[in-house]
Amino acid sequence: LGATLAAGITVPVSEWLGGWRWALASWGLLA
């Protein structure tokens, strides 16, 4: 599930947040 969420929503999150850096950093919140 964790792998699926990261693979499936990281690109949309990057578009929403305005860049790939924000999308990658956002996974720190889940941890």
PDB file of all heavy atoms in Angstrom:
ATOM      1  N   LEU A   1       0.835  -1.205   0.000  1.00  0.00           N
ATOM      2  CA  LEU A   1       0.000   0.000   0.000  1.00  0.00           C
ATOM      3  C   LEU A   1       0.867   1.253   0.000  1.00  0.00           C
ATOM      4  O   LEU A   1       0.613   2.198  -0.754  1.00  0.00           O
ATOM      5  CB  LEU A   1      -0.919  -0.007   1.219  1.00  0.00           C
ATOM      6  CG  LEU A   1      -1.782   1.241   1.419  1.00  0.00           C
ATOM      7  CD1 LEU A   1      -2.722   1.433   0.232  1.00  0.00           C
ATOM      8  CD2 LEU A   1      -2.570   1.152   2.725  1.00  0.00           C
ATOM      9  N   GLY A   2       1.894   1.268   0.854  1.00  0.00           N
ATOM     10  CA  GLY A   2       2.788   2.419   0.872  1.00  0.00           C
ATOM     11  C   GLY A   2       3.488   2.610  -0.456  1.00  0.00           C
ATOM     12  O   GLY A   2       3.611   3.742  -0.959  1.00  0.00           O
ATOM     13  N   ALA A   3       3.946   1.500  -1.052  1.00  0.00           N
ATOM     14  CA  ALA A   3       4.588   1.589  -2.361  1.00  0.00           C
ATOM     15  C   ALA A   3       3.620   2.072  -3.423  1.00  0.00           C
ATOM     16  O   ALA A   3       3.973   2.878  -4.300  1.00  0.00           O
ATOM     17  CB  ALA A   3       5.166   0.225  -2.744  1.00  0.00           C
ATOM     18  N   THR A   4       2.377   1.585  -3.347  1.00  0.00           N
ATOM     19  CA  THR A   4       1.363   1.964  -4.326  1.00  0.00           C
ATOM     20  C   THR A   4       1.028   3.448  -4.235  1.00  0.00           C
ATOM     21  O   THR A   4       0.942   4.149  -5.257  1.00  0.00           O
ATOM     22  CB  THR A   4       0.090   1.129  -4.118  1.00  0.00           C
ATOM     23  OG1 THR A   4       0.411  -0.253  -4.246  1.00  0.00           O
ATOM     24  CG2 THR A   4      -0.976   1.493  -5.131  1.00  0.00           C
ATOM     25  N   LEU A   5       0.828   3.931  -3.028  1.00  0.00           N
ATOM     26  CA  LEU A   5       0.513   5.345  -2.846  1.00  0.00           C
ATOM     27  C   LEU A   5       1.613   6.228  -3.411  1.00  0.00           C
ATOM     28  O   LEU A   5       1.348   7.199  -4.129  1.00  0.00           O
ATOM     29  CB  LEU A   5       0.310   5.644  -1.355  1.00  0.00           C
ATOM     30  CG  LEU A   5      -0.980   5.143  -0.714  1.00  0.00           C
ATOM     31  CD1 LEU A   5      -0.934   5.358   0.794  1.00  0.00           C
ATOM     32  CD2 LEU A   5      -2.189   5.853  -1.315  1.00  0.00           C
ATOM     33  N   ALA A   6       2.854   5.866  -3.099  1.00  0.00           N
ATOM     34  CA  ALA A   6       3.975   6.690  -3.554  1.00  0.00           C
ATOM     35  C   ALA A   6       4.104   6.669  -5.069  1.00  0.00           C
ATOM     36  O   ALA A   6       4.361   7.699  -5.693  1.00  0.00           O
ATOM     37  CB  ALA A   6       5.266   6.211  -2.895  1.00  0.00           C
ATOM     38  N   ALA A   7       3.932   5.478  -5.670  1.00  0.00           N
ATOM     39  CA  ALA A   7       4.051   5.376  -7.122  1.00  0.00           C
ATOM     40  C   ALA A   7       2.905   6.063  -7.842  1.00  0.00           C
ATOM     41  O   ALA A   7       3.087   6.656  -8.908  1.00  0.00           O
ATOM     42  CB  ALA A   7       4.115   3.901  -7.532  1.00  0.00           C
ATOM     43  N   GLY A   8       1.707   6.005  -7.257  1.00  0.00           N
ATOM     44  CA  GLY A   8       0.520   6.490  -7.948  1.00  0.00           C
ATOM     45  C   GLY A   8       0.235   7.966  -7.803  1.00  0.00           C
ATOM     46  O   GLY A   8      -0.291   8.586  -8.734  1.00  0.00           O
ATOM     47  N   ILE A   9       0.570   8.556  -6.655  1.00  0.00           N
ATOM     48  CA  ILE A   9       0.154   9.942  -6.434  1.00  0.00           C
ATOM     49  C   ILE A   9       1.304  10.935  -6.392  1.00  0.00           C
ATOM     50  O   ILE A   9       1.058  12.144  -6.285  1.00  0.00           O
ATOM     51  CB  ILE A   9      -0.670  10.072  -5.135  1.00  0.00           C
ATOM     52  CG1 ILE A   9       0.212   9.906  -3.891  1.00  0.00           C
ATOM     53  CG2 ILE A   9      -1.811   9.081  -5.116  1.00  0.00           C
ATOM     54  CD1 ILE A   9      -0.517  10.211  -2.597  1.00  0.00           C
ATOM     55  N   THR A  10       2.547  10.478  -6.507  1.00  0.00           N
ATOM     56  CA  THR A  10       3.656  11.421  -6.427  1.00  0.00           C
ATOM     57  C   THR A  10       3.654  12.400  -7.600  1.00  0.00           C
ATOM     58  O   THR A  10       3.915  13.597  -7.413  1.00  0.00           O
ATOM     59  CB  THR A  10       5.004  10.674  -6.367  1.00  0.00           C
ATOM     60  OG1 THR A  10       5.027   9.841  -5.210  1.00  0.00           O
ATOM     61  CG2 THR A  10       6.161  11.649  -6.278  1.00  0.00           C
ATOM     62  N   VAL A  11       3.361  11.913  -8.808  1.00  0.00           N
ATOM     63  CA  VAL A  11       3.295  12.826  -9.961  1.00  0.00           C
ATOM     64  C   VAL A  11       2.158  13.834  -9.814  1.00  0.00           C
ATOM     65  O   VAL A  11       2.378  15.046  -9.978  1.00  0.00           O
ATOM     66  CB  VAL A  11       3.167  12.033 -11.282  1.00  0.00           C
ATOM     67  CG1 VAL A  11       2.855  12.974 -12.444  1.00  0.00           C
ATOM     68  CG2 VAL A  11       4.457  11.277 -11.566  1.00  0.00           C
ATOM     69  N   PRO A  12       0.910  13.405  -9.496  1.00  0.00           N
ATOM     70  CA  PRO A  12      -0.127  14.415  -9.266  1.00  0.00           C
ATOM     71  C   PRO A  12       0.207  15.383  -8.136  1.00  0.00           C
ATOM     72  O   PRO A  12      -0.107  16.573  -8.228  1.00  0.00           O
ATOM     73  CB  PRO A  12      -1.364  13.568  -8.930  1.00  0.00           C
ATOM     74  CG  PRO A  12      -1.127  12.254  -9.576  1.00  0.00           C
ATOM     75  CD  PRO A  12       0.351  12.039  -9.473  1.00  0.00           C
ATOM     76  N   VAL A  13       0.831  14.895  -7.079  1.00  0.00           N
ATOM     77  CA  VAL A  13       1.216  15.783  -5.982  1.00  0.00           C
ATOM     78  C   VAL A  13       2.250  16.800  -6.455  1.00  0.00           C
ATOM     79  O   VAL A  13       2.213  17.971  -6.068  1.00  0.00           O
ATOM     80  CB  VAL A  13       1.761  14.966  -4.787  1.00  0.00           C
ATOM     81  CG1 VAL A  13       2.431  15.869  -3.760  1.00  0.00           C
ATOM     82  CG2 VAL A  13       0.634  14.182  -4.132  1.00  0.00           C
ATOM     83  N   SER A  14       3.171  16.371  -7.310  1.00  0.00           N
ATOM     84  CA  SER A  14       4.175  17.312  -7.832  1.00  0.00           C
ATOM     85  C   SER A  14       3.521  18.406  -8.661  1.00  0.00           C
ATOM     86  O   SER A  14       3.942  19.573  -8.618  1.00  0.00           O
ATOM     87  CB  SER A  14       5.225  16.563  -8.667  1.00  0.00           C
ATOM     88  OG  SER A  14       4.688  16.133  -9.899  1.00  0.00           O
ATOM     89  N   GLU A  15       2.490  18.041  -9.426  1.00  0.00           N
ATOM     90  CA  GLU A  15       1.766  19.040 -10.218  1.00  0.00           C
ATOM     91  C   GLU A  15       0.967  19.978  -9.313  1.00  0.00           C
ATOM     92  O   GLU A  15       0.870  21.183  -9.579  1.00  0.00           O
ATOM     93  CB  GLU A  15       0.842  18.335 -11.209  1.00  0.00           C
ATOM     94  CG  GLU A  15       1.606  17.498 -12.243  1.00  0.00           C
ATOM     95  CD  GLU A  15       0.687  16.636 -13.084  1.00  0.00           C
ATOM     96  OE1 GLU A  15      -0.531  16.576 -12.759  1.00  0.00           O
ATOM     97  OE2 GLU A  15       1.173  16.011 -14.053  1.00  0.00           O
ATOM     98  N   TRP A  16       0.429  19.429  -8.242  1.00  0.00           N
ATOM     99  CA  TRP A  16      -0.373  20.232  -7.319  1.00  0.00           C
ATOM    100  C   TRP A  16       0.503  21.185  -6.499  1.00  0.00           C
ATOM    101  O   TRP A  16       0.160  22.348  -6.297  1.00  0.00           O
ATOM    102  CB  TRP A  16      -1.154  19.289  -6.395  1.00  0.00           C
ATOM    103  CG  TRP A  16      -2.003  19.990  -5.383  1.00  0.00           C
ATOM    104  CD1 TRP A  16      -2.898  20.985  -5.607  1.00  0.00           C
ATOM    105  CD2 TRP A  16      -2.023  19.732  -3.979  1.00  0.00           C
ATOM    106  NE1 TRP A  16      -3.498  21.376  -4.429  1.00  0.00           N
ATOM    107  CE2 TRP A  16      -2.978  20.622  -3.410  1.00  0.00           C
ATOM    108  CE3 TRP A  16      -1.366  18.841  -3.146  1.00  0.00           C
ATOM    109  CZ2 TRP A  16      -3.252  20.642  -2.044  1.00  0.00           C
ATOM    110  CZ3 TRP A  16      -1.640  18.849  -1.793  1.00  0.00           C
ATOM    111  CH2 TRP A  16      -2.569  19.750  -1.253  1.00  0.00           C
ATOM    112  N   LEU A  17       1.640  20.677  -6.047  1.00  0.00           N
ATOM    113  CA  LEU A  17       2.516  21.487  -5.199  1.00  0.00           C
ATOM    114  C   LEU A  17       3.487  22.356  -5.992  1.00  0.00           C
ATOM    115  O   LEU A  17       4.121  23.251  -5.429  1.00  0.00           O
ATOM    116  CB  LEU A  17       3.311  20.579  -4.246  1.00  0.00           C
ATOM    117  CG  LEU A  17       2.496  19.812  -3.204  1.00  0.00           C
ATOM    118  CD1 LEU A  17       3.414  18.941  -2.361  1.00  0.00           C
ATOM    119  CD2 LEU A  17       1.721  20.782  -2.300  1.00  0.00           C
ATOM    120  N   GLY A  18       3.615  22.080  -7.290  1.00  0.00           N
ATOM    121  CA  GLY A  18       4.452  22.941  -8.113  1.00  0.00           C
ATOM    122  C   GLY A  18       5.875  22.469  -8.305  1.00  0.00           C
ATOM    123  O   GLY A  18       6.769  23.302  -8.527  1.00  0.00           O
ATOM    124  N   GLY A  19       6.129  21.165  -8.261  1.00  0.00           N
ATOM    125  CA  GLY A  19       7.472  20.691  -8.551  1.00  0.00           C
ATOM    126  C   GLY A  19       7.768  19.348  -7.913  1.00  0.00           C
ATOM    127  O   GLY A  19       7.149  18.953  -6.913  1.00  0.00           O
ATOM    128  N   TRP A  20       8.739  18.632  -8.501  1.00  0.00           N
ATOM    129  CA  TRP A  20       9.063  17.289  -8.019  1.00  0.00           C
ATOM    130  C   TRP A  20       9.707  17.327  -6.638  1.00  0.00           C
ATOM    131  O   TRP A  20       9.573  16.378  -5.868  1.00  0.00           O
ATOM    132  CB  TRP A  20       9.953  16.563  -9.015  1.00  0.00           C
ATOM    133  CG  TRP A  20      11.304  17.189  -9.265  1.00  0.00           C
ATOM    134  CD1 TRP A  20      11.632  18.087 -10.238  1.00  0.00           C
ATOM    135  CD2 TRP A  20      12.503  16.938  -8.523  1.00  0.00           C
ATOM    136  NE1 TRP A  20      12.956  18.420 -10.161  1.00  0.00           N
ATOM    137  CE2 TRP A  20      13.521  17.727  -9.111  1.00  0.00           C
ATOM    138  CE3 TRP A  20      12.829  16.136  -7.425  1.00  0.00           C
ATOM    139  CZ2 TRP A  20      14.840  17.735  -8.644  1.00  0.00           C
ATOM    140  CZ3 TRP A  20      14.135  16.145  -6.948  1.00  0.00           C
ATOM    141  CH2 TRP A  20      15.127  16.939  -7.546  1.00  0.00           C
ATOM    142  N   ARG A  21      10.396  18.423  -6.314  1.00  0.00           N
ATOM    143  CA  ARG A  21      11.051  18.497  -5.005  1.00  0.00           C
ATOM    144  C   ARG A  21      10.024  18.496  -3.869  1.00  0.00           C
ATOM    145  O   ARG A  21      10.186  17.805  -2.856  1.00  0.00           O
ATOM    146  CB  ARG A  21      11.932  19.737  -4.929  1.00  0.00           C
ATOM    147  CG  ARG A  21      13.199  19.646  -5.775  1.00  0.00           C
ATOM    148  CD  ARG A  21      14.042  20.913  -5.666  1.00  0.00           C
ATOM    149  NE  ARG A  21      15.346  20.735  -6.287  1.00  0.00           N
ATOM    150  CZ  ARG A  21      15.586  20.924  -7.581  1.00  0.00           C
ATOM    151  NH1 ARG A  21      14.586  21.288  -8.399  1.00  0.00           N
ATOM    152  NH2 ARG A  21      16.800  20.742  -8.065  1.00  0.00           N
ATOM    153  N   TRP A  22       8.968  19.273  -4.028  1.00  0.00           N
ATOM    154  CA  TRP A  22       7.925  19.307  -2.998  1.00  0.00           C
ATOM    155  C   TRP A  22       7.236  17.953  -2.870  1.00  0.00           C
ATOM    156  O   TRP A  22       6.874  17.524  -1.761  1.00  0.00           O
ATOM    157  CB  TRP A  22       6.908  20.393  -3.329  1.00  0.00           C
ATOM    158  CG  TRP A  22       7.417  21.784  -3.107  1.00  0.00           C
ATOM    159  CD1 TRP A  22       7.794  22.683  -4.069  1.00  0.00           C
ATOM    160  CD2 TRP A  22       7.617  22.427  -1.857  1.00  0.00           C
ATOM    161  NE1 TRP A  22       8.221  23.846  -3.493  1.00  0.00           N
ATOM    162  CE2 TRP A  22       8.120  23.723  -2.127  1.00  0.00           C
ATOM    163  CE3 TRP A  22       7.422  22.043  -0.534  1.00  0.00           C
ATOM    164  CZ2 TRP A  22       8.423  24.629  -1.130  1.00  0.00           C
ATOM    165  CZ3 TRP A  22       7.725  22.955   0.477  1.00  0.00           C
ATOM    166  CH2 TRP A  22       8.221  24.224   0.173  1.00  0.00           C
ATOM    167  N   ALA A  23       7.042  17.285  -4.001  1.00  0.00           N
ATOM    168  CA  ALA A  23       6.373  15.982  -3.974  1.00  0.00           C
ATOM    169  C   ALA A  23       7.202  14.961  -3.200  1.00  0.00           C
ATOM    170  O   ALA A  23       6.671  14.209  -2.370  1.00  0.00           O
ATOM    171  CB  ALA A  23       6.114  15.488  -5.392  1.00  0.00           C
ATOM    172  N   LEU A  24       8.511  14.923  -3.446  1.00  0.00           N
ATOM    173  CA  LEU A  24       9.361  13.988  -2.715  1.00  0.00           C
ATOM    174  C   LEU A  24       9.420  14.332  -1.232  1.00  0.00           C
ATOM    175  O   LEU A  24       9.376  13.452  -0.372  1.00  0.00           O
ATOM    176  CB  LEU A  24      10.772  13.973  -3.317  1.00  0.00           C
ATOM    177  CG  LEU A  24      10.928  13.334  -4.692  1.00  0.00           C
ATOM    178  CD1 LEU A  24      12.408  13.325  -5.098  1.00  0.00           C
ATOM    179  CD2 LEU A  24      10.378  11.915  -4.716  1.00  0.00           C
ATOM    180  N   ALA A  25       9.533  15.612  -0.919  1.00  0.00           N
ATOM    181  CA  ALA A  25       9.629  16.027   0.484  1.00  0.00           C
ATOM    182  C   ALA A  25       8.354  15.731   1.260  1.00  0.00           C
ATOM    183  O   ALA A  25       8.399  15.501   2.480  1.00  0.00           O
ATOM    184  CB  ALA A  25       9.957  17.513   0.569  1.00  0.00           C
ATOM    185  N   SER A  26       7.222  15.710   0.575  1.00  0.00           N
ATOM    186  CA  SER A  26       5.946  15.521   1.272  1.00  0.00           C
ATOM    187  C   SER A  26       5.853  14.169   1.957  1.00  0.00           C
ATOM    188  O   SER A  26       5.094  14.005   2.924  1.00  0.00           O
ATOM    189  CB  SER A  26       4.778  15.688   0.293  1.00  0.00           C
ATOM    190  OG  SER A  26       4.774  14.643  -0.674  1.00  0.00           O
ATOM    191  N   TRP A  27       6.623  13.166   1.521  1.00  0.00           N
ATOM    192  CA  TRP A  27       6.549  11.842   2.134  1.00  0.00           C
ATOM    193  C   TRP A  27       7.151  11.820   3.531  1.00  0.00           C
ATOM    194  O   TRP A  27       6.910  10.893   4.301  1.00  0.00           O
ATOM    195  CB  TRP A  27       7.201  10.800   1.235  1.00  0.00           C
ATOM    196  CG  TRP A  27       6.395  10.592  -0.007  1.00  0.00           C
ATOM    197  CD1 TRP A  27       6.664  11.039  -1.262  1.00  0.00           C
ATOM    198  CD2 TRP A  27       5.123   9.940  -0.090  1.00  0.00           C
ATOM    199  NE1 TRP A  27       5.662  10.693  -2.131  1.00  0.00           N
ATOM    200  CE2 TRP A  27       4.698  10.012  -1.433  1.00  0.00           C
ATOM    201  CE3 TRP A  27       4.305   9.286   0.831  1.00  0.00           C
ATOM    202  CZ2 TRP A  27       3.492   9.465  -1.871  1.00  0.00           C
ATOM    203  CZ3 TRP A  27       3.112   8.740   0.397  1.00  0.00           C
ATOM    204  CH2 TRP A  27       2.711   8.835  -0.934  1.00  0.00           C
ATOM    205  N   GLY A  28       7.908  12.853   3.878  1.00  0.00           N
ATOM    206  CA  GLY A  28       8.386  12.964   5.245  1.00  0.00           C
ATOM    207  C   GLY A  28       7.253  13.160   6.240  1.00  0.00           C
ATOM    208  O   GLY A  28       7.376  12.781   7.416  1.00  0.00           O
ATOM    209  N   LEU A  29       6.141  13.750   5.781  1.00  0.00           N
ATOM    210  CA  LEU A  29       4.997  13.952   6.670  1.00  0.00           C
ATOM    211  C   LEU A  29       4.363  12.628   7.079  1.00  0.00           C
ATOM    212  O   LEU A  29       3.919  12.470   8.219  1.00  0.00           O
ATOM    213  CB  LEU A  29       3.962  14.841   5.976  1.00  0.00           C
ATOM    214  CG  LEU A  29       4.404  16.265   5.631  1.00  0.00           C
ATOM    215  CD1 LEU A  29       3.306  16.989   4.848  1.00  0.00           C
ATOM    216  CD2 LEU A  29       4.746  17.034   6.911  1.00  0.00           C
ATOM    217  N   LEU A  30       4.314  11.679   6.149  1.00  0.00           N
ATOM    218  CA  LEU A  30       3.745  10.371   6.478  1.00  0.00           C
ATOM    219  C   LEU A  30       4.600   9.663   7.532  1.00  0.00           C
ATOM    220  O   LEU A  30       4.076   9.049   8.458  1.00  0.00           O
ATOM    221  CB  LEU A  30       3.651   9.515   5.217  1.00  0.00           C
ATOM    222  CG  LEU A  30       2.982   8.149   5.364  1.00  0.00           C
ATOM    223  CD1 LEU A  30       1.516   8.298   5.749  1.00  0.00           C
ATOM    224  CD2 LEU A  30       3.107   7.342   4.064  1.00  0.00           C
ATOM    225  N   ALA A  31       5.906   9.781   7.392  1.00  0.00           N
ATOM    226  CA  ALA A  31       6.795   9.187   8.394  1.00  0.00           C
ATOM    227  C   ALA A  31       6.638   9.875   9.745  1.00  0.00           C
ATOM    228  O   ALA A  31       6.694   9.222  10.799  1.00  0.00           O
ATOM    229  CB  ALA A  31       8.243   9.271   7.920  1.00  0.00           C
TER     230      ALA A  31
END
